[in-house]
């Protein structure tokens, strides 16, 4: 329905399109799932940002700060996310850290075909 009169007076507006039906938001344990009456991938970036950041800034069970609330959009069996609301109210994909032990911190010592090594003069 967009911002009410008091919200518009504070400068808030909406960029959301007219949806062909009702959308719902379900929250639990610090996560939000928004169900759309359309394919979730058809949203433009401004609408996606508004939905993710509005949901993340609502009262979500789990007491996480808004920038740590994962929001997933679902519509017509298509999922977008999870995403979080970052600086300037822009939505970003949640990046999971790689499992420990699988990330190399430097060059592979078993790689004998590397260029520019320091093993001495070529002969």
N, C-alpha and C. Protein backbone atom coordinates (compact mmCIF):
# COMPACT_ATOMS: atom_id res chain seq x y z
N UNK A 1 0.82 -1.20 0.00
CA UNK A 1 0.00 0.00 0.00
C UNK A 1 0.86 1.26 0.00
N UNK A 2 2.17 1.10 0.27
CA UNK A 2 3.04 2.28 0.25
C UNK A 2 3.05 3.01 1.57
N UNK A 3 3.85 4.04 1.67
CA UNK A 3 3.93 4.80 2.92
C UNK A 3 2.63 5.55 3.19
N UNK A 4 2.31 5.67 4.49
CA UNK A 4 1.13 6.44 4.87
C UNK A 4 1.48 7.93 4.82
N UNK A 5 0.54 8.77 5.17
CA UNK A 5 0.74 10.21 5.08
C UNK A 5 1.93 10.67 5.92
N UNK A 6 2.01 10.21 7.16
CA UNK A 6 3.11 10.62 8.05
C UNK A 6 4.46 10.19 7.48
N UNK A 7 4.52 8.99 6.90
CA UNK A 7 5.77 8.51 6.32
C UNK A 7 6.15 9.32 5.08
N UNK A 8 5.17 9.67 4.27
CA UNK A 8 5.45 10.51 3.10
C UNK A 8 5.96 11.88 3.52
N UNK A 9 5.41 12.42 4.61
CA UNK A 9 5.86 13.72 5.12
C UNK A 9 7.32 13.66 5.59
N UNK A 10 7.77 12.47 6.00
CA UNK A 10 9.17 12.29 6.41
C UNK A 10 10.06 12.01 5.22
N UNK A 11 9.51 11.98 4.02
CA UNK A 11 10.30 11.78 2.81
C UNK A 11 10.37 10.36 2.30
N UNK A 12 9.61 9.46 2.92
CA UNK A 12 9.63 8.07 2.47
C UNK A 12 8.75 7.90 1.24
N UNK A 13 9.17 7.02 0.36
CA UNK A 13 8.37 6.74 -0.83
C UNK A 13 8.52 5.25 -1.16
N UNK A 14 7.82 4.80 -2.17
CA UNK A 14 7.88 3.40 -2.59
C UNK A 14 8.18 3.31 -4.07
N UNK A 15 9.02 2.36 -4.43
CA UNK A 15 9.32 2.10 -5.83
C UNK A 15 8.74 0.76 -6.27
N UNK A 16 7.97 0.13 -5.39
CA UNK A 16 7.44 -1.19 -5.70
C UNK A 16 6.40 -1.12 -6.81
N UNK A 17 6.39 -2.13 -7.68
CA UNK A 17 5.38 -2.17 -8.74
C UNK A 17 4.04 -2.60 -8.16
N UNK A 18 3.00 -2.48 -8.94
CA UNK A 18 1.70 -3.05 -8.56
C UNK A 18 1.84 -4.55 -8.68
N UNK A 19 1.61 -5.28 -7.61
CA UNK A 19 1.69 -6.73 -7.64
C UNK A 19 0.34 -7.31 -8.07
N UNK A 20 0.36 -8.44 -8.77
CA UNK A 20 -0.90 -9.05 -9.21
C UNK A 20 -1.64 -9.77 -8.09
N UNK A 21 -1.19 -9.60 -6.88
CA UNK A 21 -1.83 -10.20 -5.71
C UNK A 21 -1.10 -9.74 -4.47
N UNK A 22 -1.40 -10.39 -3.37
CA UNK A 22 -0.85 -10.00 -2.08
C UNK A 22 0.50 -10.66 -1.85
N UNK A 23 1.44 -9.93 -1.24
CA UNK A 23 2.68 -10.55 -0.81
C UNK A 23 2.63 -10.73 0.69
N UNK A 24 3.38 -11.72 1.18
CA UNK A 24 3.41 -12.01 2.61
C UNK A 24 4.86 -12.10 3.06
N UNK A 25 5.08 -11.86 4.34
CA UNK A 25 6.41 -11.99 4.92
C UNK A 25 6.29 -12.85 6.17
N UNK A 26 7.15 -13.85 6.25
CA UNK A 26 7.20 -14.73 7.42
C UNK A 26 8.59 -14.62 8.03
N UNK A 27 8.64 -14.41 9.34
CA UNK A 27 9.93 -14.29 10.01
C UNK A 27 10.03 -15.31 11.12
N UNK A 28 11.24 -15.81 11.31
CA UNK A 28 11.52 -16.70 12.41
C UNK A 28 13.02 -16.75 12.64
N UNK A 29 13.41 -16.72 13.88
CA UNK A 29 14.79 -16.92 14.28
C UNK A 29 15.79 -16.08 13.50
N UNK A 30 15.46 -14.81 13.24
CA UNK A 30 16.39 -13.91 12.59
C UNK A 30 16.41 -13.98 11.08
N UNK A 31 15.46 -14.67 10.46
CA UNK A 31 15.37 -14.79 9.01
C UNK A 31 14.00 -14.32 8.55
N UNK A 32 13.93 -13.84 7.30
CA UNK A 32 12.64 -13.42 6.73
C UNK A 32 12.50 -14.06 5.35
N UNK A 33 11.31 -14.60 5.07
CA UNK A 33 10.98 -15.09 3.74
C UNK A 33 9.78 -14.29 3.25
N UNK A 34 9.95 -13.61 2.12
CA UNK A 34 8.87 -12.84 1.51
C UNK A 34 8.35 -13.65 0.33
N UNK A 35 7.05 -13.91 0.34
CA UNK A 35 6.42 -14.64 -0.76
C UNK A 35 5.70 -13.65 -1.65
N UNK A 36 6.08 -13.64 -2.93
CA UNK A 36 5.53 -12.71 -3.92
C UNK A 36 4.53 -13.41 -4.82
N UNK A 37 3.54 -12.68 -5.34
CA UNK A 37 2.58 -13.27 -6.28
C UNK A 37 3.09 -13.21 -7.72
N UNK A 38 4.42 -13.33 -7.90
CA UNK A 38 5.04 -13.25 -9.22
C UNK A 38 6.42 -13.89 -9.15
N UNK A 39 7.06 -14.06 -10.28
CA UNK A 39 8.41 -14.59 -10.35
C UNK A 39 9.34 -13.60 -9.63
N UNK A 40 10.02 -14.06 -8.61
CA UNK A 40 10.86 -13.19 -7.80
C UNK A 40 12.03 -12.59 -8.59
N UNK A 41 12.47 -13.25 -9.65
CA UNK A 41 13.60 -12.73 -10.43
C UNK A 41 13.20 -11.59 -11.36
N UNK A 42 11.91 -11.30 -11.46
CA UNK A 42 11.47 -10.22 -12.34
C UNK A 42 11.49 -8.86 -11.65
N UNK A 43 11.82 -8.83 -10.36
CA UNK A 43 11.89 -7.55 -9.65
C UNK A 43 13.11 -6.75 -10.10
N UNK A 44 12.93 -5.44 -10.27
CA UNK A 44 14.09 -4.60 -10.57
C UNK A 44 14.89 -4.40 -9.28
N UNK A 45 16.12 -3.91 -9.41
CA UNK A 45 17.00 -3.80 -8.24
C UNK A 45 16.46 -2.84 -7.18
N UNK A 46 15.82 -1.76 -7.58
CA UNK A 46 15.28 -0.81 -6.59
C UNK A 46 14.18 -1.47 -5.76
N UNK A 47 13.31 -2.24 -6.40
CA UNK A 47 12.25 -2.95 -5.67
C UNK A 47 12.83 -4.02 -4.76
N UNK A 48 13.82 -4.74 -5.25
CA UNK A 48 14.48 -5.77 -4.46
C UNK A 48 15.12 -5.13 -3.22
N UNK A 49 15.83 -4.02 -3.41
CA UNK A 49 16.45 -3.32 -2.28
C UNK A 49 15.40 -2.89 -1.26
N UNK A 50 14.30 -2.33 -1.75
CA UNK A 50 13.26 -1.86 -0.83
C UNK A 50 12.66 -3.00 -0.03
N UNK A 51 12.36 -4.11 -0.68
CA UNK A 51 11.75 -5.24 0.04
C UNK A 51 12.71 -5.83 1.06
N UNK A 52 13.96 -6.06 0.66
CA UNK A 52 14.94 -6.67 1.57
C UNK A 52 15.20 -5.74 2.76
N UNK A 53 15.42 -4.47 2.50
CA UNK A 53 15.76 -3.55 3.59
C UNK A 53 14.57 -3.25 4.50
N UNK A 54 13.38 -3.19 3.94
CA UNK A 54 12.19 -2.98 4.78
C UNK A 54 12.00 -4.18 5.70
N UNK A 55 12.12 -5.39 5.15
CA UNK A 55 11.95 -6.60 5.96
C UNK A 55 13.04 -6.70 7.03
N UNK A 56 14.28 -6.40 6.66
CA UNK A 56 15.39 -6.51 7.61
C UNK A 56 15.29 -5.51 8.75
N UNK A 57 14.67 -4.36 8.50
CA UNK A 57 14.54 -3.33 9.53
C UNK A 57 13.27 -3.46 10.36
N UNK A 58 12.43 -4.45 10.04
CA UNK A 58 11.23 -4.70 10.85
C UNK A 58 11.64 -5.46 12.12
N UNK A 59 10.70 -5.64 12.99
CA UNK A 59 10.98 -6.42 14.20
C UNK A 59 11.02 -7.90 13.81
N UNK A 60 12.21 -8.45 13.78
CA UNK A 60 12.41 -9.83 13.37
C UNK A 60 12.83 -10.64 14.59
N UNK A 61 12.17 -11.78 14.86
CA UNK A 61 12.60 -12.60 15.98
C UNK A 61 14.07 -12.98 15.84
N UNK A 62 14.80 -12.96 16.94
CA UNK A 62 16.21 -13.33 16.93
C UNK A 62 17.13 -12.18 17.28
N UNK A 63 16.59 -10.96 17.32
CA UNK A 63 17.33 -9.78 17.76
C UNK A 63 18.63 -9.53 17.01
N UNK A 64 18.67 -9.83 15.71
CA UNK A 64 19.85 -9.51 14.90
C UNK A 64 19.75 -8.08 14.42
N UNK A 65 20.89 -7.41 14.23
CA UNK A 65 20.83 -6.07 13.62
C UNK A 65 20.37 -6.20 12.16
N UNK A 66 19.75 -5.16 11.60
CA UNK A 66 19.21 -5.26 10.24
C UNK A 66 20.20 -5.76 9.19
N UNK A 67 21.46 -5.39 9.30
CA UNK A 67 22.44 -5.82 8.32
C UNK A 67 22.83 -7.28 8.40
N UNK A 68 22.28 -7.99 9.39
CA UNK A 68 22.59 -9.42 9.55
C UNK A 68 21.35 -10.29 9.45
N UNK A 69 20.24 -9.71 8.99
CA UNK A 69 18.99 -10.47 8.83
C UNK A 69 18.91 -10.97 7.39
N UNK A 70 19.04 -12.29 7.17
CA UNK A 70 18.91 -12.81 5.81
C UNK A 70 17.45 -12.77 5.35
N UNK A 71 17.24 -12.23 4.16
CA UNK A 71 15.90 -12.12 3.58
C UNK A 71 15.90 -12.89 2.26
N UNK A 72 14.94 -13.79 2.09
CA UNK A 72 14.80 -14.55 0.86
C UNK A 72 13.46 -14.20 0.23
N UNK A 73 13.47 -13.97 -1.07
CA UNK A 73 12.25 -13.68 -1.82
C UNK A 73 11.87 -14.93 -2.61
N UNK A 74 10.59 -15.31 -2.53
CA UNK A 74 10.11 -16.49 -3.23
C UNK A 74 8.87 -16.10 -4.01
N UNK A 75 8.81 -16.54 -5.28
CA UNK A 75 7.62 -16.28 -6.08
C UNK A 75 7.60 -17.16 -7.30
N UNK A 76 6.51 -17.86 -7.50
CA UNK A 76 6.33 -18.78 -8.61
C UNK A 76 7.47 -19.80 -8.66
N UNK A 77 7.75 -20.41 -7.53
CA UNK A 77 8.78 -21.45 -7.38
C UNK A 77 10.19 -20.96 -7.69
N UNK A 78 10.42 -19.66 -7.67
CA UNK A 78 11.74 -19.07 -7.90
C UNK A 78 12.18 -18.41 -6.61
N UNK A 79 13.44 -18.69 -6.20
CA UNK A 79 13.99 -18.10 -4.97
C UNK A 79 15.09 -17.10 -5.34
N UNK A 80 15.09 -15.97 -4.65
CA UNK A 80 16.16 -14.99 -4.78
C UNK A 80 16.67 -14.76 -3.36
N UNK A 81 17.94 -15.00 -3.17
CA UNK A 81 18.52 -14.80 -1.85
C UNK A 81 19.01 -16.10 -1.27
N UNK A 82 19.42 -16.03 -0.02
CA UNK A 82 19.19 -14.96 0.93
C UNK A 82 20.07 -13.74 0.65
N UNK A 83 19.52 -12.58 1.04
CA UNK A 83 20.21 -11.31 0.89
C UNK A 83 20.14 -10.56 2.21
N UNK A 84 21.05 -9.61 2.39
CA UNK A 84 21.04 -8.75 3.57
C UNK A 84 21.01 -7.30 3.12
N UNK A 85 20.54 -6.44 3.99
CA UNK A 85 20.51 -5.01 3.71
C UNK A 85 21.82 -4.39 4.17
N UNK A 86 22.54 -3.79 3.22
CA UNK A 86 23.82 -3.18 3.54
C UNK A 86 23.71 -1.67 3.57
N UNK A 87 24.84 -1.02 3.45
CA UNK A 87 24.89 0.43 3.48
C UNK A 87 24.04 1.06 2.39
N UNK A 88 23.51 2.21 2.67
CA UNK A 88 22.66 2.97 1.74
C UNK A 88 21.42 2.20 1.29
N UNK A 89 20.96 1.29 2.13
CA UNK A 89 19.76 0.50 1.84
C UNK A 89 19.85 -0.26 0.52
N UNK A 90 20.99 -0.87 0.29
CA UNK A 90 21.17 -1.74 -0.87
C UNK A 90 21.24 -3.18 -0.39
N UNK A 91 20.59 -4.07 -1.13
CA UNK A 91 20.59 -5.49 -0.78
C UNK A 91 21.78 -6.18 -1.43
N UNK A 92 22.41 -7.08 -0.65
CA UNK A 92 23.56 -7.84 -1.13
C UNK A 92 23.35 -9.31 -0.83
N UNK A 93 23.85 -10.19 -1.70
CA UNK A 93 23.75 -11.63 -1.42
C UNK A 93 24.51 -11.99 -0.15
N UNK A 94 23.99 -12.95 0.58
CA UNK A 94 24.68 -13.46 1.75
C UNK A 94 25.85 -14.30 1.25
N UNK A 95 27.04 -14.00 1.74
CA UNK A 95 28.23 -14.75 1.36
C UNK A 95 28.64 -15.62 2.54
N UNK A 96 28.61 -16.92 2.32
CA UNK A 96 28.98 -17.86 3.37
C UNK A 96 30.50 -18.02 3.36
N UNK A 97 31.14 -18.04 4.53
CA UNK A 97 32.58 -18.26 4.55
C UNK A 97 32.88 -19.68 4.08
N UNK A 98 34.03 -19.85 3.43
CA UNK A 98 34.40 -21.19 2.97
C UNK A 98 34.79 -22.02 4.18
N UNK A 99 34.56 -23.33 4.10
CA UNK A 99 34.92 -24.19 5.25
C UNK A 99 36.41 -24.11 5.53
N UNK A 100 36.78 -24.15 6.79
CA UNK A 100 38.19 -24.02 7.14
C UNK A 100 38.95 -25.24 6.65
N UNK A 101 40.17 -24.99 6.19
CA UNK A 101 41.00 -26.07 5.70
C UNK A 101 40.93 -26.24 4.19
N UNK A 102 39.99 -25.59 3.52
CA UNK A 102 39.90 -25.75 2.07
C UNK A 102 40.47 -24.55 1.34
N UNK A 103 40.82 -23.52 2.07
CA UNK A 103 41.31 -22.30 1.43
C UNK A 103 42.83 -22.26 1.58
N UNK A 104 43.53 -22.01 0.48
CA UNK A 104 44.97 -21.93 0.54
C UNK A 104 45.39 -20.50 0.87
N UNK A 105 46.42 -20.38 1.69
CA UNK A 105 46.87 -19.04 2.05
C UNK A 105 47.98 -18.53 1.15
N UNK A 106 48.56 -19.37 0.33
CA UNK A 106 49.64 -18.95 -0.54
C UNK A 106 49.76 -19.90 -1.70
N UNK A 107 50.85 -19.80 -2.45
CA UNK A 107 51.04 -20.68 -3.59
C UNK A 107 51.13 -22.14 -3.16
N UNK A 108 50.72 -23.04 -4.03
CA UNK A 108 50.77 -24.46 -3.78
C UNK A 108 52.22 -24.93 -3.93
N UNK A 109 52.85 -25.41 -2.84
CA UNK A 109 54.25 -25.80 -2.93
C UNK A 109 54.47 -26.99 -3.86
N UNK A 110 53.45 -27.76 -4.15
CA UNK A 110 53.61 -28.91 -5.04
C UNK A 110 53.49 -28.52 -6.50
N UNK A 111 53.21 -27.25 -6.79
CA UNK A 111 53.07 -26.77 -8.16
C UNK A 111 54.45 -26.49 -8.74
N UNK A 112 54.93 -27.40 -9.58
CA UNK A 112 56.28 -27.25 -10.15
C UNK A 112 56.27 -26.54 -11.48
N UNK A 113 55.13 -26.23 -12.00
CA UNK A 113 55.06 -25.58 -13.31
C UNK A 113 54.85 -24.09 -13.22
N UNK A 114 55.09 -23.48 -12.07
CA UNK A 114 54.82 -22.06 -11.95
C UNK A 114 55.90 -21.24 -12.63
N UNK A 115 55.51 -20.09 -13.15
CA UNK A 115 56.41 -19.18 -13.83
C UNK A 115 56.93 -18.17 -12.82
N UNK A 116 58.21 -17.80 -12.94
CA UNK A 116 58.73 -16.75 -12.08
C UNK A 116 59.17 -17.24 -10.73
N UNK A 117 59.48 -18.51 -10.59
CA UNK A 117 59.91 -19.05 -9.32
C UNK A 117 61.27 -18.51 -8.91
N UNK A 118 61.68 -18.80 -7.70
CA UNK A 118 62.96 -18.30 -7.19
C UNK A 118 63.93 -19.44 -6.94
N UNK A 119 63.87 -20.51 -7.71
CA UNK A 119 64.70 -21.67 -7.43
C UNK A 119 66.09 -21.56 -8.04
N UNK A 120 66.42 -20.52 -8.75
CA UNK A 120 67.76 -20.35 -9.30
C UNK A 120 67.71 -20.14 -10.80
N UNK A 121 68.86 -19.99 -11.42
CA UNK A 121 68.90 -19.71 -12.86
C UNK A 121 68.47 -20.90 -13.68
N UNK A 122 67.82 -20.60 -14.82
CA UNK A 122 67.38 -21.67 -15.70
C UNK A 122 68.58 -22.20 -16.45
N UNK A 123 68.63 -23.48 -16.70
CA UNK A 123 69.80 -24.01 -17.33
C UNK A 123 69.54 -24.90 -18.39
